[in-house]
Amino acid sequence: MHIPEVGEVETWTDLMEVALPLVSFQTSFLFRSDGTVLTSRSTLRFRDRAEVAASLTASGFVVDPVRDAPDRPGLEMVFVAATGLPSP
């Protein structure tokens, strides 16, 4: 990709480790102008449906319903959550 005032930058991501529920990966950025490579390492934690619902409930949300993501059915959950009913 071209970044104004920086030049061409190439990026790629490498999977480092999968130890569910943790997934670690590294994204690298190559600056073509001088050959500098910067890396960013990240770890994501994938929680299951029950964990996410419990966390939302503990934070004062009511969860209903949980749906499949329309573009990723069976692969991603969409939680519809709202705060409790307003006081009268």
C-alpha atoms as a PDB file:
ATOM      1  CA  MET A   1       0.000   0.000   0.000  1.00  0.00           C
ATOM      2  CA  HIS A   2       1.110   3.577  -0.568  1.00  0.00           C
ATOM      3  CA  ILE A   3       1.091   5.969   2.380  1.00  0.00           C
ATOM      4  CA  PRO A   4       1.525   9.676   1.565  1.00  0.00           C
ATOM      5  CA  GLU A   5       4.805  11.113   2.895  1.00  0.00           C
ATOM      6  CA  VAL A   6       5.978   7.588   3.814  1.00  0.00           C
ATOM      7  CA  GLY A   7       5.951   5.637   0.570  1.00  0.00           C
ATOM      8  CA  GLU A   8       5.253   1.986  -0.100  1.00  0.00           C
ATOM      9  CA  VAL A   9       4.569  -0.219   2.919  1.00  0.00           C
ATOM     10  CA  GLU A  10       4.121  -3.979   2.686  1.00  0.00           C
ATOM     11  CA  THR A  11       2.264  -5.808   5.477  1.00  0.00           C
ATOM     12  CA  TRP A  12       1.769  -9.463   6.359  1.00  0.00           C
ATOM     13  CA  THR A  13       0.474 -11.463   9.301  1.00  0.00           C
ATOM     14  CA  ASP A  14       1.935 -14.700  10.683  1.00  0.00           C
ATOM     15  CA  LEU A  15       0.122 -17.080  13.000  1.00  0.00           C
ATOM     16  CA  MET A  16       2.442 -17.699  15.956  1.00  0.00           C
ATOM     17  CA  GLU A  17       0.533 -20.048  18.270  1.00  0.00           C
ATOM     18  CA  VAL A  18      -2.892 -21.530  18.842  1.00  0.00           C
ATOM     19  CA  ALA A  19      -3.542 -22.660  22.417  1.00  0.00           C
ATOM     20  CA  LEU A  20      -7.300 -22.246  22.670  1.00  0.00           C
ATOM     21  CA  PRO A  21      -8.850 -20.066  23.855  1.00  0.00           C
ATOM     22  CA  LEU A  22      -5.720 -18.000  23.001  1.00  0.00           C
ATOM     23  CA  VAL A  23      -4.477 -17.272  19.484  1.00  0.00           C
ATOM     24  CA  SER A  24      -1.222 -15.336  18.993  1.00  0.00           C
ATOM     25  CA  PHE A  25      -0.111 -13.672  15.780  1.00  0.00           C
ATOM     26  CA  GLN A  26       2.424 -11.169  14.522  1.00  0.00           C
ATOM     27  CA  THR A  27       1.863  -8.431  11.937  1.00  0.00           C
ATOM     28  CA  SER A  28       4.914  -7.049  10.145  1.00  0.00           C
ATOM     29  CA  PHE A  29       5.304  -3.764   8.272  1.00  0.00           C
ATOM     30  CA  LEU A  30       8.101  -3.361   5.699  1.00  0.00           C
ATOM     31  CA  PHE A  31       8.898   0.241   4.773  1.00  0.00           C
ATOM     32  CA  ARG A  32      10.274   0.003   1.236  1.00  0.00           C
ATOM     33  CA  SER A  33      11.982   3.418   1.385  1.00  0.00           C
ATOM     34  CA  ASP A  34      14.657   2.232   3.831  1.00  0.00           C
ATOM     35  CA  GLY A  35      13.983  -1.468   4.477  1.00  0.00           C
ATOM     36  CA  THR A  36      12.852  -0.964   8.074  1.00  0.00           C
ATOM     37  CA  VAL A  37      10.623  -3.750   9.408  1.00  0.00           C
ATOM     38  CA  LEU A  38       8.377  -3.129  12.422  1.00  0.00           C
ATOM     39  CA  THR A  39       6.380  -5.890  14.077  1.00  0.00           C
ATOM     40  CA  SER A  40       3.328  -5.921  16.281  1.00  0.00           C
ATOM     41  CA  ARG A  41       2.535  -9.019  18.343  1.00  0.00           C
ATOM     42  CA  SER A  42      -0.963  -9.692  19.584  1.00  0.00           C
ATOM     43  CA  THR A  43      -2.898 -12.377  21.425  1.00  0.00           C
ATOM     44  CA  LEU A  44      -6.655 -12.742  21.177  1.00  0.00           C
ATOM     45  CA  ARG A  45      -8.786 -14.654  23.652  1.00  0.00           C
ATOM     46  CA  PHE A  46     -11.865 -16.274  22.182  1.00  0.00           C
ATOM     47  CA  ARG A  47     -14.625 -16.646  24.761  1.00  0.00           C
ATOM     48  CA  ASP A  48     -17.547 -19.001  24.315  1.00  0.00           C
ATOM     49  CA  ARG A  49     -21.194 -17.955  24.282  1.00  0.00           C
ATOM     50  CA  ALA A  50     -21.732 -18.631  27.991  1.00  0.00           C
ATOM     51  CA  GLU A  51     -18.683 -16.567  29.019  1.00  0.00           C
ATOM     52  CA  VAL A  52     -19.729 -13.553  26.946  1.00  0.00           C
ATOM     53  CA  ALA A  53     -23.336 -13.727  28.162  1.00  0.00           C
ATOM     54  CA  ALA A  54     -22.197 -14.021  31.804  1.00  0.00           C
ATOM     55  CA  SER A  55     -19.883 -11.015  31.401  1.00  0.00           C
ATOM     56  CA  LEU A  56     -22.665  -8.904  29.880  1.00  0.00           C
ATOM     57  CA  THR A  57     -25.125  -9.961  32.599  1.00  0.00           C
ATOM     58  CA  ALA A  58     -22.575  -9.193  35.350  1.00  0.00           C
ATOM     59  CA  SER A  59     -22.214  -5.713  33.815  1.00  0.00           C
ATOM     60  CA  GLY A  60     -25.938  -5.033  34.100  1.00  0.00           C
ATOM     61  CA  PHE A  61     -27.079  -5.980  30.603  1.00  0.00           C
ATOM     62  CA  VAL A  62     -29.981  -8.188  29.611  1.00  0.00           C
ATOM     63  CA  VAL A  63     -28.967 -10.477  26.760  1.00  0.00           C
ATOM     64  CA  ASP A  64     -31.628 -11.505  24.272  1.00  0.00           C
ATOM     65  CA  PRO A  65     -31.216 -12.777  21.659  1.00  0.00           C
ATOM     66  CA  VAL A  66     -27.894 -14.120  20.445  1.00  0.00           C
ATOM     67  CA  ARG A  67     -27.813 -14.413  16.654  1.00  0.00           C
ATOM     68  CA  ASP A  68     -25.483 -15.703  13.981  1.00  0.00           C
ATOM     69  CA  ALA A  69     -23.576 -13.010  12.122  1.00  0.00           C
ATOM     70  CA  PRO A  70     -25.361 -12.714   8.762  1.00  0.00           C
ATOM     71  CA  ASP A  71     -22.141 -13.032   6.772  1.00  0.00           C
ATOM     72  CA  ARG A  72     -20.612 -15.788   8.944  1.00  0.00           C
ATOM     73  CA  PRO A  73     -23.403 -18.120  10.137  1.00  0.00           C
ATOM     74  CA  GLY A  74     -22.155 -20.649  12.644  1.00  0.00           C
ATOM     75  CA  LEU A  75     -18.792 -18.858  12.921  1.00  0.00           C
ATOM     76  CA  GLU A  76     -19.554 -15.609  14.720  1.00  0.00           C
ATOM     77  CA  MET A  77     -22.130 -14.579  17.325  1.00  0.00           C
ATOM     78  CA  VAL A  78     -23.929 -11.252  17.585  1.00  0.00           C
ATOM     79  CA  PHE A  79     -25.131 -10.458  21.118  1.00  0.00           C
ATOM     80  CA  VAL A  80     -28.126  -8.165  21.359  1.00  0.00           C
ATOM     81  CA  ALA A  81     -27.899  -6.651  24.831  1.00  0.00           C
ATOM     82  CA  ALA A  82     -29.553  -3.726  26.561  1.00  0.00           C
ATOM     83  CA  THR A  83     -29.512  -2.220  29.995  1.00  0.00           C
ATOM     84  CA  GLY A  84     -32.379  -3.142  32.282  1.00  0.00           C
ATOM     85  CA  LEU A  85     -35.706  -1.384  32.007  1.00  0.00           C
ATOM     86  CA  PRO A  86     -35.627   2.313  32.926  1.00  0.00           C
ATOM     87  CA  SER A  87     -36.908   3.320  36.338  1.00  0.00           C
ATOM     88  CA  PRO A  88     -40.529   4.607  36.378  1.00  0.00           C
END
